[in-house]
């Protein structure tokens, strides 16, 4: 069950329009929180909420520089998310279960 919870964090990060817009901004490189906040029309606490979810998923990483936090996309996090999506959407004929109600 723990692995399902970890996997769900990846999809939670991707299921919100504001987080998708943040990811789009990060595609052009590392950004300071102040730069991300302005075009998103988010409060500092609102941005922090979304960034925590993105960082918890592993898709985004952060670093502290003085009082500012800088965020960037994580290649390892992206690769893990792609691998996860492929794994859960690829049929596995070896694990197909028979329906006990169908008499098959």
PDB file of N, CA and C in Angstrom:
ATOM      1  N   UNK A   1       0.819  -1.192   0.000  1.00  0.00           N
ATOM      2  CA  UNK A   1       0.000   0.000   0.000  1.00  0.00           C
ATOM      3  C   UNK A   1       0.864   1.258   0.000  1.00  0.00           C
ATOM      4  N   UNK A   2       2.037   1.201   0.648  1.00  0.00           N
ATOM      5  CA  UNK A   2       2.928   2.359   0.711  1.00  0.00           C
ATOM      6  C   UNK A   2       3.386   2.781  -0.677  1.00  0.00           C
ATOM      7  N   UNK A   3       3.645   1.814  -1.545  1.00  0.00           N
ATOM      8  CA  UNK A   3       4.098   2.176  -2.893  1.00  0.00           C
ATOM      9  C   UNK A   3       2.974   2.863  -3.670  1.00  0.00           C
ATOM     10  N   UNK A   4       1.727   2.487  -3.397  1.00  0.00           N
ATOM     11  CA  UNK A   4       0.601   3.164  -4.047  1.00  0.00           C
ATOM     12  C   UNK A   4       0.519   4.616  -3.588  1.00  0.00           C
ATOM     13  N   UNK A   5       0.783   4.859  -2.319  1.00  0.00           N
ATOM     14  CA  UNK A   5       0.746   6.228  -1.800  1.00  0.00           C
ATOM     15  C   UNK A   5       1.850   7.068  -2.424  1.00  0.00           C
ATOM     16  N   UNK A   6       3.040   6.486  -2.575  1.00  0.00           N
ATOM     17  CA  UNK A   6       4.140   7.212  -3.215  1.00  0.00           C
ATOM     18  C   UNK A   6       3.805   7.488  -4.674  1.00  0.00           C
ATOM     19  N   UNK A   7       3.221   6.508  -5.346  1.00  0.00           N
ATOM     20  CA  UNK A   7       2.840   6.688  -6.748  1.00  0.00           C
ATOM     21  C   UNK A   7       1.761   7.751  -6.889  1.00  0.00           C
ATOM     22  N   UNK A   8       0.824   7.773  -5.964  1.00  0.00           N
ATOM     23  CA  UNK A   8      -0.270   8.743  -6.026  1.00  0.00           C
ATOM     24  C   UNK A   8       0.253  10.172  -5.929  1.00  0.00           C
ATOM     25  N   UNK A   9       1.370  10.380  -5.243  1.00  0.00           N
ATOM     26  CA  UNK A   9       1.946  11.725  -5.127  1.00  0.00           C
ATOM     27  C   UNK A   9       2.339  12.277  -6.491  1.00  0.00           C
ATOM     28  N   UNK A  10       2.804  11.406  -7.367  1.00  0.00           N
ATOM     29  CA  UNK A  10       3.183  11.836  -8.713  1.00  0.00           C
ATOM     30  C   UNK A  10       1.946  12.328  -9.459  1.00  0.00           C
ATOM     31  N   UNK A  11       0.877  11.556  -9.388  1.00  0.00           N
ATOM     32  CA  UNK A  11      -0.326  11.925 -10.123  1.00  0.00           C
ATOM     33  C   UNK A  11      -1.043  13.113  -9.484  1.00  0.00           C
ATOM     34  N   UNK A  12      -0.958  13.224  -8.165  1.00  0.00           N
ATOM     35  CA  UNK A  12      -1.524  14.388  -7.485  1.00  0.00           C
ATOM     36  C   UNK A  12      -0.824  15.661  -7.981  1.00  0.00           C
ATOM     37  N   UNK A  13       0.477  15.575  -8.177  1.00  0.00           N
ATOM     38  CA  UNK A  13       1.239  16.736  -8.661  1.00  0.00           C
ATOM     39  C   UNK A  13       0.781  17.165 -10.042  1.00  0.00           C
ATOM     40  N   UNK A  14       0.316  16.239 -10.831  1.00  0.00           N
ATOM     41  CA  UNK A  14      -0.036  16.528 -12.221  1.00  0.00           C
ATOM     42  C   UNK A  14      -1.515  16.808 -12.440  1.00  0.00           C
ATOM     43  N   UNK A  15      -2.324  16.720 -11.408  1.00  0.00           N
ATOM     44  CA  UNK A  15      -3.779  16.812 -11.610  1.00  0.00           C
ATOM     45  C   UNK A  15      -4.365  18.180 -11.253  1.00  0.00           C
ATOM     46  N   UNK A  16      -3.551  19.207 -11.186  1.00  0.00           N
ATOM     47  CA  UNK A  16      -4.048  20.533 -10.841  1.00  0.00           C
ATOM     48  C   UNK A  16      -3.585  21.533 -11.904  1.00  0.00           C
ATOM     49  N   UNK A  17      -4.496  22.358 -12.414  1.00  0.00           N
ATOM     50  CA  UNK A  17      -4.111  23.320 -13.460  1.00  0.00           C
ATOM     51  C   UNK A  17      -3.012  24.291 -13.022  1.00  0.00           C
ATOM     52  N   UNK A  18      -3.019  24.729 -11.795  1.00  0.00           N
ATOM     53  CA  UNK A  18      -1.983  25.665 -11.331  1.00  0.00           C
ATOM     54  C   UNK A  18      -0.622  24.973 -11.296  1.00  0.00           C
ATOM     55  N   UNK A  19      -0.595  23.722 -10.855  1.00  0.00           N
ATOM     56  CA  UNK A  19       0.683  23.002 -10.825  1.00  0.00           C
ATOM     57  C   UNK A  19       1.184  22.724 -12.237  1.00  0.00           C
ATOM     58  N   UNK A  20       0.278  22.447 -13.167  1.00  0.00           N
ATOM     59  CA  UNK A  20       0.700  22.259 -14.557  1.00  0.00           C
ATOM     60  C   UNK A  20       1.270  23.557 -15.122  1.00  0.00           C
ATOM     61  N   UNK A  21       0.674  24.686 -14.765  1.00  0.00           N
ATOM     62  CA  UNK A  21       1.199  25.985 -15.216  1.00  0.00           C
ATOM     63  C   UNK A  21       2.574  26.258 -14.612  1.00  0.00           C
ATOM     64  N   UNK A  22       2.764  25.863 -13.361  1.00  0.00           N
ATOM     65  CA  UNK A  22       4.081  26.015 -12.721  1.00  0.00           C
ATOM     66  C   UNK A  22       5.116  25.158 -13.450  1.00  0.00           C
ATOM     67  N   UNK A  23       4.747  23.919 -13.748  1.00  0.00           N
ATOM     68  CA  UNK A  23       5.668  23.040 -14.478  1.00  0.00           C
ATOM     69  C   UNK A  23       6.022  23.641 -15.832  1.00  0.00           C
ATOM     70  N   UNK A  24       5.049  24.230 -16.490  1.00  0.00           N
ATOM     71  CA  UNK A  24       5.307  24.871 -17.782  1.00  0.00           C
ATOM     72  C   UNK A  24       6.330  25.994 -17.619  1.00  0.00           C
ATOM     73  N   UNK A  25       6.199  26.793 -16.567  1.00  0.00           N
ATOM     74  CA  UNK A  25       7.168  27.872 -16.322  1.00  0.00           C
ATOM     75  C   UNK A  25       8.567  27.316 -16.077  1.00  0.00           C
ATOM     76  N   UNK A  26       8.637  26.186 -15.375  1.00  0.00           N
ATOM     77  CA  UNK A  26       9.938  25.608 -15.028  1.00  0.00           C
ATOM     78  C   UNK A  26      10.625  24.939 -16.219  1.00  0.00           C
ATOM     79  N   UNK A  27       9.905  24.731 -17.288  1.00  0.00           N
ATOM     80  CA  UNK A  27      10.511  24.114 -18.472  1.00  0.00           C
ATOM     81  C   UNK A  27      11.640  24.962 -19.038  1.00  0.00           C
ATOM     82  N   UNK A  28      11.574  26.280 -18.811  1.00  0.00           N
ATOM     83  CA  UNK A  28      12.624  27.153 -19.359  1.00  0.00           C
ATOM     84  C   UNK A  28      13.798  27.309 -18.406  1.00  0.00           C
ATOM     85  N   UNK A  29      13.764  26.610 -17.281  1.00  0.00           N
ATOM     86  CA  UNK A  29      14.893  26.654 -16.360  1.00  0.00           C
ATOM     87  C   UNK A  29      14.478  26.983 -14.938  1.00  0.00           C
ATOM     88  N   UNK A  30      15.460  26.987 -14.071  1.00  0.00           N
ATOM     89  CA  UNK A  30      15.233  27.239 -12.647  1.00  0.00           C
ATOM     90  C   UNK A  30      14.609  28.622 -12.443  1.00  0.00           C
ATOM     91  N   UNK A  31      13.661  28.671 -11.496  1.00  0.00           N
ATOM     92  CA  UNK A  31      12.986  29.929 -11.191  1.00  0.00           C
ATOM     93  C   UNK A  31      12.910  30.125  -9.682  1.00  0.00           C
ATOM     94  N   UNK A  32      13.054  31.377  -9.278  1.00  0.00           N
ATOM     95  CA  UNK A  32      12.866  31.774  -7.885  1.00  0.00           C
ATOM     96  C   UNK A  32      11.367  31.762  -7.585  1.00  0.00           C
ATOM     97  N   UNK A  33      11.019  31.488  -6.349  1.00  0.00           N
ATOM     98  CA  UNK A  33       9.612  31.476  -5.956  1.00  0.00           C
ATOM     99  C   UNK A  33       8.927  32.789  -6.299  1.00  0.00           C
ATOM    100  N   UNK A  34       9.634  33.896  -6.136  1.00  0.00           N
ATOM    101  CA  UNK A  34       9.030  35.203  -6.420  1.00  0.00           C
ATOM    102  C   UNK A  34       8.663  35.337  -7.896  1.00  0.00           C
ATOM    103  N   UNK A  35       9.444  34.727  -8.777  1.00  0.00           N
ATOM    104  CA  UNK A  35       9.181  34.773 -10.214  1.00  0.00           C
ATOM    105  C   UNK A  35       7.974  33.896 -10.550  1.00  0.00           C
ATOM    106  N   UNK A  36       7.849  32.759  -9.882  1.00  0.00           N
ATOM    107  CA  UNK A  36       6.721  31.859 -10.126  1.00  0.00           C
ATOM    108  C   UNK A  36       5.420  32.438  -9.599  1.00  0.00           C
ATOM    109  N   UNK A  37       5.496  33.119  -8.504  1.00  0.00           N
ATOM    110  CA  UNK A  37       4.309  33.607  -7.804  1.00  0.00           C
ATOM    111  C   UNK A  37       3.555  34.665  -8.612  1.00  0.00           C
ATOM    112  N   UNK A  38       4.279  35.598  -9.186  1.00  0.00           N
ATOM    113  CA  UNK A  38       3.655  36.764  -9.828  1.00  0.00           C
ATOM    114  C   UNK A  38       2.667  36.429 -10.948  1.00  0.00           C
ATOM    115  N   UNK A  39       3.076  35.690 -11.994  1.00  0.00           N
ATOM    116  CA  UNK A  39       2.120  35.435 -13.080  1.00  0.00           C
ATOM    117  C   UNK A  39       1.001  34.472 -12.689  1.00  0.00           C
ATOM    118  N   UNK A  40       1.190  33.730 -11.618  1.00  0.00           N
ATOM    119  CA  UNK A  40       0.186  32.758 -11.189  1.00  0.00           C
ATOM    120  C   UNK A  40      -0.912  33.404 -10.342  1.00  0.00           C
ATOM    121  N   UNK A  41      -0.701  34.656  -9.941  1.00  0.00           N
ATOM    122  CA  UNK A  41      -1.644  35.350  -9.070  1.00  0.00           C
ATOM    123  C   UNK A  41      -1.913  34.511  -7.813  1.00  0.00           C
ATOM    124  N   UNK A  42      -0.833  34.025  -7.213  1.00  0.00           N
ATOM    125  CA  UNK A  42      -0.903  33.220  -6.002  1.00  0.00           C
ATOM    126  C   UNK A  42      -0.292  33.984  -4.840  1.00  0.00           C
ATOM    127  N   UNK A  43      -0.815  33.740  -3.659  1.00  0.00           N
ATOM    128  CA  UNK A  43      -0.165  34.256  -2.459  1.00  0.00           C
ATOM    129  C   UNK A  43       1.077  33.416  -2.210  1.00  0.00           C
ATOM    130  N   UNK A  44       1.916  33.879  -1.305  1.00  0.00           N
ATOM    131  CA  UNK A  44       3.119  33.117  -0.975  1.00  0.00           C
ATOM    132  C   UNK A  44       2.732  31.752  -0.394  1.00  0.00           C
ATOM    133  N   UNK A  45       1.717  31.730   0.463  1.00  0.00           N
ATOM    134  CA  UNK A  45       1.303  30.450   1.051  1.00  0.00           C
ATOM    135  C   UNK A  45       0.667  29.545  -0.003  1.00  0.00           C
ATOM    136  N   UNK A  46      -0.044  30.134  -0.972  1.00  0.00           N
ATOM    137  CA  UNK A  46      -0.628  29.334  -2.050  1.00  0.00           C
ATOM    138  C   UNK A  46       0.444  28.692  -2.911  1.00  0.00           C
ATOM    139  N   UNK A  47       1.472  29.474  -3.242  1.00  0.00           N
ATOM    140  CA  UNK A  47       2.573  28.920  -4.020  1.00  0.00           C
ATOM    141  C   UNK A  47       3.294  27.839  -3.228  1.00  0.00           C
ATOM    142  N   UNK A  48       3.527  28.089  -1.952  1.00  0.00           N
ATOM    143  CA  UNK A  48       4.205  27.098  -1.102  1.00  0.00           C
ATOM    144  C   UNK A  48       3.453  25.782  -1.075  1.00  0.00           C
ATOM    145  N   UNK A  49       2.136  25.856  -0.996  1.00  0.00           N
ATOM    146  CA  UNK A  49       1.296  24.646  -0.993  1.00  0.00           C
ATOM    147  C   UNK A  49       1.539  23.837  -2.267  1.00  0.00           C
ATOM    148  N   UNK A  50       1.458  24.499  -3.417  1.00  0.00           N
ATOM    149  CA  UNK A  50       1.640  23.793  -4.690  1.00  0.00           C
ATOM    150  C   UNK A  50       3.067  23.279  -4.862  1.00  0.00           C
ATOM    151  N   UNK A  51       4.047  24.068  -4.419  1.00  0.00           N
ATOM    152  CA  UNK A  51       5.434  23.644  -4.568  1.00  0.00           C
ATOM    153  C   UNK A  51       5.754  22.455  -3.675  1.00  0.00           C
ATOM    154  N   UNK A  52       5.146  22.378  -2.507  1.00  0.00           N
ATOM    155  CA  UNK A  52       5.352  21.222  -1.626  1.00  0.00           C
ATOM    156  C   UNK A  52       4.863  19.954  -2.314  1.00  0.00           C
ATOM    157  N   UNK A  53       3.710  20.028  -2.939  1.00  0.00           N
ATOM    158  CA  UNK A  53       3.168  18.859  -3.640  1.00  0.00           C
ATOM    159  C   UNK A  53       4.075  18.470  -4.809  1.00  0.00           C
ATOM    160  N   UNK A  54       4.538  19.450  -5.567  1.00  0.00           N
ATOM    161  CA  UNK A  54       5.427  19.156  -6.691  1.00  0.00           C
ATOM    162  C   UNK A  54       6.759  18.574  -6.220  1.00  0.00           C
ATOM    163  N   UNK A  55       7.293  19.121  -5.133  1.00  0.00           N
ATOM    164  CA  UNK A  55       8.567  18.604  -4.609  1.00  0.00           C
ATOM    165  C   UNK A  55       8.386  17.217  -3.989  1.00  0.00           C
ATOM    166  N   UNK A  56       7.284  16.997  -3.278  1.00  0.00           N
ATOM    167  CA  UNK A  56       7.017  15.682  -2.681  1.00  0.00           C
ATOM    168  C   UNK A  56       6.893  14.597  -3.747  1.00  0.00           C
ATOM    169  N   UNK A  57       6.456  14.984  -4.932  1.00  0.00           N
ATOM    170  CA  UNK A  57       6.315  14.015  -6.019  1.00  0.00           C
ATOM    171  C   UNK A  57       7.666  13.632  -6.616  1.00  0.00           C
ATOM    172  N   UNK A  58       8.673  14.487  -6.402  1.00  0.00           N
ATOM    173  CA  UNK A  58       9.992  14.254  -6.987  1.00  0.00           C
ATOM    174  C   UNK A  58      10.165  14.876  -8.352  1.00  0.00           C
ATOM    175  N   UNK A  59       9.101  15.440  -8.918  1.00  0.00           N
ATOM    176  CA  UNK A  59       9.167  16.027 -10.246  1.00  0.00           C
ATOM    177  C   UNK A  59       9.911  17.365 -10.227  1.00  0.00           C
ATOM    178  N   UNK A  60       9.849  18.049  -9.084  1.00  0.00           N
ATOM    179  CA  UNK A  60      10.515  19.336  -8.910  1.00  0.00           C
ATOM    180  C   UNK A  60      11.447  19.234  -7.707  1.00  0.00           C
ATOM    181  N   UNK A  61      12.590  19.875  -7.803  1.00  0.00           N
ATOM    182  CA  UNK A  61      13.514  19.966  -6.673  1.00  0.00           C
ATOM    183  C   UNK A  61      13.733  21.435  -6.346  1.00  0.00           C
ATOM    184  N   UNK A  62      14.125  21.683  -5.111  1.00  0.00           N
ATOM    185  CA  UNK A  62      14.328  23.066  -4.682  1.00  0.00           C
ATOM    186  C   UNK A  62      15.701  23.226  -4.049  1.00  0.00           C
ATOM    187  N   UNK A  63      16.133  24.472  -4.009  1.00  0.00           N
ATOM    188  CA  UNK A  63      17.352  24.816  -3.288  1.00  0.00           C
ATOM    189  C   UNK A  63      17.147  26.196  -2.677  1.00  0.00           C
ATOM    190  N   UNK A  64      17.734  26.384  -1.539  1.00  0.00           N
ATOM    191  CA  UNK A  64      17.633  27.642  -0.804  1.00  0.00           C
ATOM    192  C   UNK A  64      18.817  28.535  -1.154  1.00  0.00           C
ATOM    193  N   UNK A  65      18.555  29.796  -1.416  1.00  0.00           N
ATOM    194  CA  UNK A  65      19.616  30.780  -1.633  1.00  0.00           C
ATOM    195  C   UNK A  65      19.217  32.026  -0.849  1.00  0.00           C
ATOM    196  N   UNK A  66      19.825  32.181   0.319  1.00  0.00           N
ATOM    197  CA  UNK A  66      19.425  33.266   1.207  1.00  0.00           C
ATOM    198  C   UNK A  66      18.005  33.035   1.675  1.00  0.00           C
ATOM    199  N   UNK A  67      17.175  34.041   1.518  1.00  0.00           N
ATOM    200  CA  UNK A  67      15.782  33.883   1.964  1.00  0.00           C
ATOM    201  C   UNK A  67      14.873  33.360   0.847  1.00  0.00           C
ATOM    202  N   UNK A  68      15.421  33.167  -0.338  1.00  0.00           N
ATOM    203  CA  UNK A  68      14.623  32.734  -1.472  1.00  0.00           C
ATOM    204  C   UNK A  68      14.818  31.255  -1.768  1.00  0.00           C
ATOM    205  N   UNK A  69      13.758  30.641  -2.244  1.00  0.00           N
ATOM    206  CA  UNK A  69      13.805  29.249  -2.683  1.00  0.00           C
ATOM    207  C   UNK A  69      13.725  29.244  -4.200  1.00  0.00           C
ATOM    208  N   UNK A  70      14.594  28.457  -4.810  1.00  0.00           N
ATOM    209  CA  UNK A  70      14.628  28.311  -6.259  1.00  0.00           C
ATOM    210  C   UNK A  70      14.182  26.894  -6.606  1.00  0.00           C
ATOM    211  N   UNK A  71      13.408  26.778  -7.670  1.00  0.00           N
ATOM    212  CA  UNK A  71      12.844  25.494  -8.075  1.00  0.00           C
ATOM    213  C   UNK A  71      13.253  25.173  -9.502  1.00  0.00           C
ATOM    214  N   UNK A  72      13.419  23.873  -9.758  1.00  0.00           N
ATOM    215  CA  UNK A  72      13.706  23.417 -11.119  1.00  0.00           C
ATOM    216  C   UNK A  72      13.126  22.024 -11.299  1.00  0.00           C
ATOM    217  N   UNK A  73      12.931  21.660 -12.551  1.00  0.00           N
ATOM    218  CA  UNK A  73      12.458  20.315 -12.868  1.00  0.00           C
ATOM    219  C   UNK A  73      13.560  19.311 -12.568  1.00  0.00           C
ATOM    220  N   UNK A  74      13.163  18.136 -12.125  1.00  0.00           N
ATOM    221  CA  UNK A  74      14.106  17.065 -11.840  1.00  0.00           C
ATOM    222  C   UNK A  74      14.024  16.027 -12.954  1.00  0.00           C
ATOM    223  N   UNK A  75      15.131  15.813 -13.629  1.00  0.00           N
ATOM    224  CA  UNK A  75      15.147  14.798 -14.690  1.00  0.00           C
ATOM    225  C   UNK A  75      14.862  13.420 -14.104  1.00  0.00           C
ATOM    226  N   UNK A  76      15.451  13.120 -12.951  1.00  0.00           N
ATOM    227  CA  UNK A  76      15.219  11.822 -12.311  1.00  0.00           C
ATOM    228  C   UNK A  76      13.743  11.666 -11.933  1.00  0.00           C
ATOM    229  N   UNK A  77      13.137  12.737 -11.433  1.00  0.00           N
ATOM    230  CA  UNK A  77      11.717  12.699 -11.072  1.00  0.00           C
ATOM    231  C   UNK A  77      10.835  12.500 -12.291  1.00  0.00           C
ATOM    232  N   UNK A  78      11.193  13.174 -13.376  1.00  0.00           N
ATOM    233  CA  UNK A  78      10.446  13.010 -14.624  1.00  0.00           C
ATOM    234  C   UNK A  78      10.553  11.580 -15.134  1.00  0.00           C
ATOM    235  N   UNK A  79      11.766  11.051 -15.130  1.00  0.00           N
ATOM    236  CA  UNK A  79      11.965   9.681 -15.611  1.00  0.00           C
ATOM    237  C   UNK A  79      11.181   8.686 -14.768  1.00  0.00           C
ATOM    238  N   UNK A  80      11.156   8.910 -13.471  1.00  0.00           N
ATOM    239  CA  UNK A  80      10.408   8.035 -12.568  1.00  0.00           C
ATOM    240  C   UNK A  80       8.912   8.120 -12.855  1.00  0.00           C
ATOM    241  N   UNK A  81       8.397   9.328 -13.096  1.00  0.00           N
ATOM    242  CA  UNK A  81       6.971   9.515 -13.384  1.00  0.00           C
ATOM    243  C   UNK A  81       6.590   8.827 -14.696  1.00  0.00           C
ATOM    244  N   UNK A  82       7.432   8.958 -15.711  1.00  0.00           N
ATOM    245  CA  UNK A  82       7.165   8.314 -17.006  1.00  0.00           C
ATOM    246  C   UNK A  82       7.178   6.794 -16.840  1.00  0.00           C
ATOM    247  N   UNK A  83       8.156   6.293 -16.119  1.00  0.00           N
ATOM    248  CA  UNK A  83       8.265   4.845 -15.884  1.00  0.00           C
ATOM    249  C   UNK A  83       7.038   4.336 -15.120  1.00  0.00           C
ATOM    250  N   UNK A  84       6.596   5.089 -14.147  1.00  0.00           N
ATOM    251  CA  UNK A  84       5.412   4.710 -13.370  1.00  0.00           C
ATOM    252  C   UNK A  84       4.174   4.662 -14.257  1.00  0.00           C
ATOM    253  N   UNK A  85       3.977   5.692 -15.075  1.00  0.00           N
ATOM    254  CA  UNK A  85       2.815   5.721 -15.961  1.00  0.00           C
ATOM    255  C   UNK A  85       2.839   4.543 -16.930  1.00  0.00           C
ATOM    256  N   UNK A  86       3.998   4.252 -17.479  1.00  0.00           N
ATOM    257  CA  UNK A  86       4.112   3.100 -18.379  1.00  0.00           C
ATOM    258  C   UNK A  86       3.805   1.796 -17.646  1.00  0.00           C
ATOM    259  N   UNK A  87       4.318   1.660 -16.429  1.00  0.00           N
ATOM    260  CA  UNK A  87       4.120   0.422 -15.675  1.00  0.00           C
ATOM    261  C   UNK A  87       2.651   0.175 -15.351  1.00  0.00           C
ATOM    262  N   UNK A  88       1.940   1.226 -14.969  1.00  0.00           N
ATOM    263  CA  UNK A  88       0.550   0.990 -14.547  1.00  0.00           C
ATOM    264  C   UNK A  88      -0.435   0.962 -15.710  1.00  0.00           C
ATOM    265  N   UNK A  89       0.019   1.331 -16.903  1.00  0.00           N
ATOM    266  CA  UNK A  89      -0.886   1.311 -18.060  1.00  0.00           C
ATOM    267  C   UNK A  89      -0.504   0.257 -19.089  1.00  0.00           C
ATOM    268  N   UNK A  90       0.479  -0.566 -18.774  1.00  0.00           N
ATOM    269  CA  UNK A  90       0.890  -1.641 -19.674  1.00  0.00           C
ATOM    270  C   UNK A  90       0.272  -2.950 -19.184  1.00  0.00           C
ATOM    271  N   UNK A  91      -0.532  -3.586 -20.035  1.00  0.00           N
ATOM    272  CA  UNK A  91      -1.144  -4.853 -19.623  1.00  0.00           C
ATOM    273  C   UNK A  91      -0.086  -5.898 -19.283  1.00  0.00           C
ATOM    274  N   UNK A  92      -0.396  -6.703 -18.293  1.00  0.00           N
ATOM    275  CA  UNK A  92       0.497  -7.774 -17.862  1.00  0.00           C
ATOM    276  C   UNK A  92      -0.277  -9.083 -17.957  1.00  0.00           C
ATOM    277  N   UNK A  93      -0.135  -9.765 -19.095  1.00  0.00           N
ATOM    278  CA  UNK A  93      -0.883 -10.988 -19.355  1.00  0.00           C
ATOM    279  C   UNK A  93      -0.571 -12.078 -18.339  1.00  0.00           C
ATOM    280  N   UNK A  94       0.640 -12.074 -17.769  1.00  0.00           N
ATOM    281  CA  UNK A  94       1.012 -13.097 -16.799  1.00  0.00           C
ATOM    282  C   UNK A  94       0.212 -12.976 -15.501  1.00  0.00           C
ATOM    283  N   UNK A  95      -0.273 -11.796 -15.209  1.00  0.00           N
ATOM    284  CA  UNK A  95      -1.005 -11.597 -13.962  1.00  0.00           C
ATOM    285  C   UNK A  95      -2.508 -11.469 -14.175  1.00  0.00           C
ATOM    286  N   UNK A  96      -2.975 -11.813 -15.362  1.00  0.00           N
ATOM    287  CA  UNK A  96      -4.405 -11.743 -15.625  1.00  0.00           C
ATOM    288  C   UNK A  96      -5.119 -12.731 -14.714  1.00  0.00           C
ATOM    289  N   UNK A  97      -6.128 -12.256 -14.054  1.00  0.00           N
ATOM    290  CA  UNK A  97      -6.869 -13.137 -13.146  1.00  0.00           C
ATOM    291  C   UNK A  97      -8.154 -13.602 -13.838  1.00  0.00           C
ATOM    292  N   UNK A  98      -8.517 -14.799 -13.504  1.00  0.00           N
ATOM    293  CA  UNK A  98      -9.736 -15.344 -14.073  1.00  0.00           C
ATOM    294  C   UNK A  98     -10.929 -14.887 -13.238  1.00  0.00           C
ATOM    295  N   UNK A  99     -12.012 -14.668 -13.895  1.00  0.00           N
ATOM    296  CA  UNK A  99     -13.235 -14.252 -13.211  1.00  0.00           C
ATOM    297  C   UNK A  99     -13.925 -15.490 -12.655  1.00  0.00           C
ATOM    298  N   UNK A 100     -14.093 -15.514 -11.336  1.00  0.00           N
ATOM    299  CA  UNK A 100     -14.739 -16.686 -10.724  1.00  0.00           C
ATOM    300  C   UNK A 100     -16.225 -16.708 -11.013  1.00  0.00           C
ATOM    301  N   UNK A 101     -16.803 -15.616 -11.402  1.00  0.00           N
ATOM    302  CA  UNK A 101     -18.218 -15.564 -11.706  1.00  0.00           C
ATOM    303  C   UNK A 101     -18.520 -15.985 -13.142  1.00  0.00           C
ATOM    304  N   UNK A 102     -17.507 -15.974 -13.994  1.00  0.00           N
ATOM    305  CA  UNK A 102     -17.702 -16.265 -15.423  1.00  0.00           C
ATOM    306  C   UNK A 102     -17.498 -17.730 -15.757  1.00  0.00           C
ATOM    307  N   UNK A 103     -17.072 -18.546 -14.834  1.00  0.00           N
ATOM    308  CA  UNK A 103     -16.760 -19.959 -15.085  1.00  0.00           C
ATOM    309  C   UNK A 103     -15.732 -20.122 -16.187  1.00  0.00           C
ATOM    310  N   UNK A 104     -14.727 -19.289 -16.182  1.00  0.00           N
ATOM    311  CA  UNK A 104     -13.669 -19.432 -17.199  1.00  0.00           C
ATOM    312  C   UNK A 104     -12.437 -19.973 -16.563  1.00  0.00           C
TER     313      UNK A 104
END
